[in-house]
Amino acid sequence: MQTENSKRKTGIEPKVFFPSLIIVALLCYLTIRDLDASNAVINSVFNYITYTWGWAFEWYMVVMLGGWFWLIFGPFAQRRLGDEAPEFSTVSWIFMMFASCTSAAVLFWGSIEIYYYVATPPFGLTPFSTPLKRWAWPIACSTGDRCHGRPTASWRWPSVTSCLSVRSVWYAPAAPWSP
């Protein structure tokens, strides 16, 4: 005997999907129609939320951390979801989480580091200047060598994103550039 939930086809939930679609389409239309006004509204809402309710974000993280500790060490600590034994040990899970977070940071920082030095240059240089754009790659490499202690010989070939970054840095236009 099938229950009503098993008979129902999977797909979109119209009560959730269509109102969300209408809201997103309306916001996109308003943003495209008047970018400056939309930017001002978005910035004011962002500033209101972060400056007025910033304490709520901090307390939310404290409460969530307490909730996770309660789940880990509380009465549900030994409860297993499902009948199968875990595929990986706890130590393996810890190392997998560490490796995935580290690789995500390397992928992000590897592609954005050059632009970071163009926007906020060290040594008192002028941000977004043409000479700085041409020197961003050597600055990123030398800073990485000093900060991470890797000799130059151990560097591997850069990713496609880094290659595109290098190309855009070396062939920077003479006109002023900003993001």
C-alpha atoms as a PDB file:
ATOM      1  CA  MET A   1       0.000   0.000   0.000  1.00  0.00           C
ATOM      2  CA  GLN A   2       1.418   3.338  -1.013  1.00  0.00           C
ATOM      3  CA  THR A   3       1.022   6.374   1.134  1.00  0.00           C
ATOM      4  CA  GLU A   4       0.080   9.736  -0.292  1.00  0.00           C
ATOM      5  CA  ASN A   5       3.646  11.029   0.078  1.00  0.00           C
ATOM      6  CA  SER A   6       5.070   8.188  -1.994  1.00  0.00           C
ATOM      7  CA  LYS A   7       2.468   8.733  -4.753  1.00  0.00           C
ATOM      8  CA  ARG A   8       3.321  12.403  -5.159  1.00  0.00           C
ATOM      9  CA  LYS A   9       5.794  13.124  -7.912  1.00  0.00           C
ATOM     10  CA  THR A  10       8.989  14.869  -7.051  1.00  0.00           C
ATOM     11  CA  GLY A  11       9.529  18.261  -8.587  1.00  0.00           C
ATOM     12  CA  ILE A  12       9.141  21.887  -7.737  1.00  0.00           C
ATOM     13  CA  GLU A  13       6.879  23.035  -4.949  1.00  0.00           C
ATOM     14  CA  PRO A  14       4.727  25.759  -6.576  1.00  0.00           C
ATOM     15  CA  LYS A  15       3.949  27.539  -3.295  1.00  0.00           C
ATOM     16  CA  VAL A  16       7.662  28.053  -2.676  1.00  0.00           C
ATOM     17  CA  PHE A  17       9.086  28.280  -6.190  1.00  0.00           C
ATOM     18  CA  PHE A  18       6.832  30.827  -7.885  1.00  0.00           C
ATOM     19  CA  PRO A  19       6.808  33.494  -5.132  1.00  0.00           C
ATOM     20  CA  SER A  20      10.599  33.191  -4.935  1.00  0.00           C
ATOM     21  CA  LEU A  21      10.881  33.443  -8.705  1.00  0.00           C
ATOM     22  CA  ILE A  22       8.684  36.549  -8.770  1.00  0.00           C
ATOM     23  CA  ILE A  23      10.701  38.233  -6.010  1.00  0.00           C
ATOM     24  CA  VAL A  24      14.047  37.461  -7.668  1.00  0.00           C
ATOM     25  CA  ALA A  25      12.791  38.580 -11.098  1.00  0.00           C
ATOM     26  CA  LEU A  26      11.429  41.817  -9.612  1.00  0.00           C
ATOM     27  CA  LEU A  27      14.698  42.547  -7.810  1.00  0.00           C
ATOM     28  CA  CYS A  28      16.681  41.827 -10.986  1.00  0.00           C
ATOM     29  CA  TYR A  29      14.425  44.131 -13.004  1.00  0.00           C
ATOM     30  CA  LEU A  30      14.706  46.954 -10.459  1.00  0.00           C
ATOM     31  CA  THR A  31      18.476  46.555 -10.276  1.00  0.00           C
ATOM     32  CA  ILE A  32      18.887  46.626 -14.051  1.00  0.00           C
ATOM     33  CA  ARG A  33      16.465  49.544 -14.401  1.00  0.00           C
ATOM     34  CA  ASP A  34      18.276  51.856 -11.963  1.00  0.00           C
ATOM     35  CA  LEU A  35      21.644  50.517 -10.846  1.00  0.00           C
ATOM     36  CA  ASP A  36      22.654  53.529  -8.748  1.00  0.00           C
ATOM     37  CA  ALA A  37      19.424  53.588  -6.738  1.00  0.00           C
ATOM     38  CA  SER A  38      19.567  49.816  -6.266  1.00  0.00           C
ATOM     39  CA  ASN A  39      23.166  50.058  -5.121  1.00  0.00           C
ATOM     40  CA  ALA A  40      22.241  52.746  -2.592  1.00  0.00           C
ATOM     41  CA  VAL A  41      19.329  50.685  -1.241  1.00  0.00           C
ATOM     42  CA  ILE A  42      21.384  47.490  -1.028  1.00  0.00           C
ATOM     43  CA  ASN A  43      24.242  49.304   0.735  1.00  0.00           C
ATOM     44  CA  SER A  44      21.895  50.965   3.223  1.00  0.00           C
ATOM     45  CA  VAL A  45      20.160  47.652   4.016  1.00  0.00           C
ATOM     46  CA  PHE A  46      23.538  45.924   4.373  1.00  0.00           C
ATOM     47  CA  ASN A  47      24.877  48.673   6.653  1.00  0.00           C
ATOM     48  CA  TYR A  48      21.706  48.632   8.762  1.00  0.00           C
ATOM     49  CA  ILE A  49      21.846  44.872   9.221  1.00  0.00           C
ATOM     50  CA  THR A  50      25.566  44.654   9.937  1.00  0.00           C
ATOM     51  CA  TYR A  51      25.903  47.699  12.180  1.00  0.00           C
ATOM     52  CA  THR A  52      22.589  47.429  14.031  1.00  0.00           C
ATOM     53  CA  TRP A  53      22.302  43.651  14.249  1.00  0.00           C
ATOM     54  CA  GLY A  54      25.990  42.678  14.236  1.00  0.00           C
ATOM     55  CA  TRP A  55      25.749  41.479  17.826  1.00  0.00           C
ATOM     56  CA  ALA A  56      23.041  38.990  16.769  1.00  0.00           C
ATOM     57  CA  PHE A  57      25.436  37.329  14.312  1.00  0.00           C
ATOM     58  CA  GLU A  58      28.008  36.883  17.069  1.00  0.00           C
ATOM     59  CA  TRP A  59      25.501  35.431  19.516  1.00  0.00           C
ATOM     60  CA  TYR A  60      24.059  33.186  16.813  1.00  0.00           C
ATOM     61  CA  MET A  61      27.502  31.632  16.338  1.00  0.00           C
ATOM     62  CA  VAL A  62      27.937  31.197  20.101  1.00  0.00           C
ATOM     63  CA  VAL A  63      24.521  29.506  20.399  1.00  0.00           C
ATOM     64  CA  MET A  64      25.217  27.259  17.395  1.00  0.00           C
ATOM     65  CA  LEU A  65      28.601  26.275  18.826  1.00  0.00           C
ATOM     66  CA  GLY A  66      26.915  25.421  22.122  1.00  0.00           C
ATOM     67  CA  GLY A  67      24.292  23.404  20.242  1.00  0.00           C
ATOM     68  CA  TRP A  68      26.952  21.424  18.405  1.00  0.00           C
ATOM     69  CA  PHE A  69      28.791  20.687  21.642  1.00  0.00           C
ATOM     70  CA  TRP A  70      25.490  19.550  23.170  1.00  0.00           C
ATOM     71  CA  LEU A  71      24.901  17.218  20.219  1.00  0.00           C
ATOM     72  CA  ILE A  72      28.470  15.903  20.339  1.00  0.00           C
ATOM     73  CA  PHE A  73      28.795  15.387  24.099  1.00  0.00           C
ATOM     74  CA  GLY A  74      25.152  15.321  25.267  1.00  0.00           C
ATOM     75  CA  PRO A  75      22.555  12.563  25.433  1.00  0.00           C
ATOM     76  CA  PHE A  76      22.565  12.083  21.639  1.00  0.00           C
ATOM     77  CA  ALA A  77      26.326  11.524  21.428  1.00  0.00           C
ATOM     78  CA  GLN A  78      26.133   7.747  20.911  1.00  0.00           C
ATOM     79  CA  ARG A  79      23.016   7.706  18.718  1.00  0.00           C
ATOM     80  CA  ARG A  80      23.608   6.428  15.198  1.00  0.00           C
ATOM     81  CA  LEU A  81      21.652   7.479  12.136  1.00  0.00           C
ATOM     82  CA  GLY A  82      20.861   4.316  10.172  1.00  0.00           C
ATOM     83  CA  ASP A  83      21.938   0.727  10.697  1.00  0.00           C
ATOM     84  CA  GLU A  84      25.326   0.729   8.974  1.00  0.00           C
ATOM     85  CA  ALA A  85      28.675   1.217  10.627  1.00  0.00           C
ATOM     86  CA  PRO A  86      30.519   4.433   9.736  1.00  0.00           C
ATOM     87  CA  GLU A  87      32.598   4.164   6.581  1.00  0.00           C
ATOM     88  CA  PHE A  88      35.396   6.339   7.994  1.00  0.00           C
ATOM     89  CA  SER A  89      36.794   6.751  11.491  1.00  0.00           C
ATOM     90  CA  THR A  90      36.496  10.005  13.417  1.00  0.00           C
ATOM     91  CA  VAL A  91      40.152  10.835  12.789  1.00  0.00           C
ATOM     92  CA  SER A  92      39.645  10.272   9.049  1.00  0.00           C
ATOM     93  CA  TRP A  93      36.665  12.637   9.077  1.00  0.00           C
ATOM     94  CA  ILE A  94      38.697  15.301  10.876  1.00  0.00           C
ATOM     95  CA  PHE A  95      41.504  15.033   8.322  1.00  0.00           C
ATOM     96  CA  MET A  96      39.046  15.074   5.400  1.00  0.00           C
ATOM     97  CA  MET A  97      37.417  18.240   6.758  1.00  0.00           C
ATOM     98  CA  PHE A  98      40.840  19.840   7.217  1.00  0.00           C
ATOM     99  CA  ALA A  99      41.922  18.881   3.685  1.00  0.00           C
ATOM    100  CA  SER A 100      38.716  20.123   2.065  1.00  0.00           C
ATOM    101  CA  CYS A 101      38.823  23.466   3.909  1.00  0.00           C
ATOM    102  CA  THR A 102      42.494  23.929   3.080  1.00  0.00           C
ATOM    103  CA  SER A 103      41.984  23.129  -0.595  1.00  0.00           C
ATOM    104  CA  ALA A 104      39.009  25.512  -0.781  1.00  0.00           C
ATOM    105  CA  ALA A 105      41.159  28.284   0.701  1.00  0.00           C
ATOM    106  CA  VAL A 106      43.988  27.545  -1.745  1.00  0.00           C
ATOM    107  CA  LEU A 107      41.612  27.627  -4.716  1.00  0.00           C
ATOM    108  CA  PHE A 108      40.085  30.920  -3.568  1.00  0.00           C
ATOM    109  CA  TRP A 109      43.284  32.676  -2.556  1.00  0.00           C
ATOM    110  CA  GLY A 110      45.250  31.379  -5.550  1.00  0.00           C
ATOM    111  CA  SER A 111      42.941  33.101  -7.981  1.00  0.00           C
ATOM    112  CA  ILE A 112      42.279  36.316  -6.033  1.00  0.00           C
ATOM    113  CA  GLU A 113      45.676  37.112  -4.479  1.00  0.00           C
ATOM    114  CA  ILE A 114      46.930  39.151  -7.425  1.00  0.00           C
ATOM    115  CA  TYR A 115      43.793  41.278  -7.437  1.00  0.00           C
ATOM    116  CA  TYR A 116      44.133  41.720  -3.681  1.00  0.00           C
ATOM    117  CA  TYR A 117      47.574  43.259  -4.148  1.00  0.00           C
ATOM    118  CA  VAL A 118      46.294  45.497  -6.944  1.00  0.00           C
ATOM    119  CA  ALA A 119      43.436  46.793  -4.766  1.00  0.00           C
ATOM    120  CA  THR A 120      45.357  47.087  -1.475  1.00  0.00           C
ATOM    121  CA  PRO A 121      49.037  47.302  -2.400  1.00  0.00           C
ATOM    122  CA  PRO A 122      51.854  47.060   0.110  1.00  0.00           C
ATOM    123  CA  PHE A 123      54.757  49.485   0.364  1.00  0.00           C
ATOM    124  CA  GLY A 124      52.522  52.571   0.019  1.00  0.00           C
ATOM    125  CA  LEU A 125      51.892  52.135  -3.713  1.00  0.00           C
ATOM    126  CA  THR A 126      48.892  53.707  -5.453  1.00  0.00           C
ATOM    127  CA  PRO A 127      45.977  51.244  -5.792  1.00  0.00           C
ATOM    128  CA  PHE A 128      44.921  50.251  -9.330  1.00  0.00           C
ATOM    129  CA  SER A 129      47.849  52.016 -10.995  1.00  0.00           C
ATOM    130  CA  THR A 130      49.210  50.547 -14.232  1.00  0.00           C
ATOM    131  CA  PRO A 131      52.721  49.862 -12.864  1.00  0.00           C
ATOM    132  CA  LEU A 132      51.178  48.130  -9.883  1.00  0.00           C
ATOM    133  CA  LYS A 133      49.080  45.919 -12.129  1.00  0.00           C
ATOM    134  CA  ARG A 134      52.252  44.862 -13.909  1.00  0.00           C
ATOM    135  CA  TRP A 135      54.034  44.205 -10.604  1.00  0.00           C
ATOM    136  CA  ALA A 136      51.145  42.429  -8.863  1.00  0.00           C
ATOM    137  CA  TRP A 137      52.267  38.955  -9.913  1.00  0.00           C
ATOM    138  CA  PRO A 138      55.890  39.334  -8.693  1.00  0.00           C
ATOM    139  CA  ILE A 139      54.621  40.909  -5.444  1.00  0.00           C
ATOM    140  CA  ALA A 140      52.226  37.996  -4.907  1.00  0.00           C
ATOM    141  CA  CYS A 141      54.982  35.468  -5.605  1.00  0.00           C
ATOM    142  CA  SER A 142      57.564  37.156  -3.382  1.00  0.00           C
ATOM    143  CA  THR A 143      55.078  37.608  -0.557  1.00  0.00           C
ATOM    144  CA  GLY A 144      54.010  33.986  -0.872  1.00  0.00           C
ATOM    145  CA  ASP A 145      57.657  32.906  -0.805  1.00  0.00           C
ATOM    146  CA  ARG A 146      58.333  34.923   2.336  1.00  0.00           C
ATOM    147  CA  CYS A 147      55.068  34.064   4.096  1.00  0.00           C
ATOM    148  CA  HIS A 148      54.808  30.399   3.204  1.00  0.00           C
ATOM    149  CA  GLY A 149      58.546  29.626   3.156  1.00  0.00           C
ATOM    150  CA  ARG A 150      58.425  27.667  -0.090  1.00  0.00           C
ATOM    151  CA  PRO A 151      61.448  27.781  -2.341  1.00  0.00           C
ATOM    152  CA  THR A 152      60.766  28.923  -5.875  1.00  0.00           C
ATOM    153  CA  ALA A 153      61.767  25.555  -7.339  1.00  0.00           C
ATOM    154  CA  SER A 154      58.885  23.751  -5.621  1.00  0.00           C
ATOM    155  CA  TRP A 155      56.176  25.911  -7.195  1.00  0.00           C
ATOM    156  CA  ARG A 156      53.909  24.066  -9.595  1.00  0.00           C
ATOM    157  CA  TRP A 157      52.279  25.313 -12.780  1.00  0.00           C
ATOM    158  CA  PRO A 158      49.508  27.780 -11.954  1.00  0.00           C
ATOM    159  CA  SER A 159      45.879  26.983 -12.556  1.00  0.00           C
ATOM    160  CA  VAL A 160      43.916  28.296 -15.534  1.00  0.00           C
ATOM    161  CA  THR A 161      42.499  31.098 -13.390  1.00  0.00           C
ATOM    162  CA  SER A 162      45.979  32.137 -12.294  1.00  0.00           C
ATOM    163  CA  CYS A 163      47.184  32.058 -15.907  1.00  0.00           C
ATOM    164  CA  LEU A 164      44.349  34.375 -16.908  1.00  0.00           C
ATOM    165  CA  SER A 165      45.246  36.618 -13.965  1.00  0.00           C
ATOM    166  CA  VAL A 166      48.868  36.725 -15.089  1.00  0.00           C
ATOM    167  CA  ARG A 167      47.822  37.539 -18.656  1.00  0.00           C
ATOM    168  CA  SER A 168      45.603  40.381 -17.520  1.00  0.00           C
ATOM    169  CA  VAL A 169      48.313  41.738 -15.214  1.00  0.00           C
ATOM    170  CA  TRP A 170      51.077  41.677 -17.835  1.00  0.00           C
ATOM    171  CA  TYR A 171      48.907  43.155 -20.563  1.00  0.00           C
ATOM    172  CA  ALA A 172      47.166  45.782 -18.462  1.00  0.00           C
ATOM    173  CA  PRO A 173      45.650  48.656 -20.450  1.00  0.00           C
ATOM    174  CA  ALA A 174      47.123  52.110 -20.076  1.00  0.00           C
ATOM    175  CA  ALA A 175      43.748  53.559 -19.046  1.00  0.00           C
ATOM    176  CA  PRO A 176      42.861  53.661 -15.338  1.00  0.00           C
ATOM    177  CA  TRP A 177      41.184  50.486 -14.200  1.00  0.00           C
ATOM    178  CA  SER A 178      38.974  49.721 -11.245  1.00  0.00           C
ATOM    179  CA  PRO A 179      36.871  46.674 -10.375  1.00  0.00           C
END
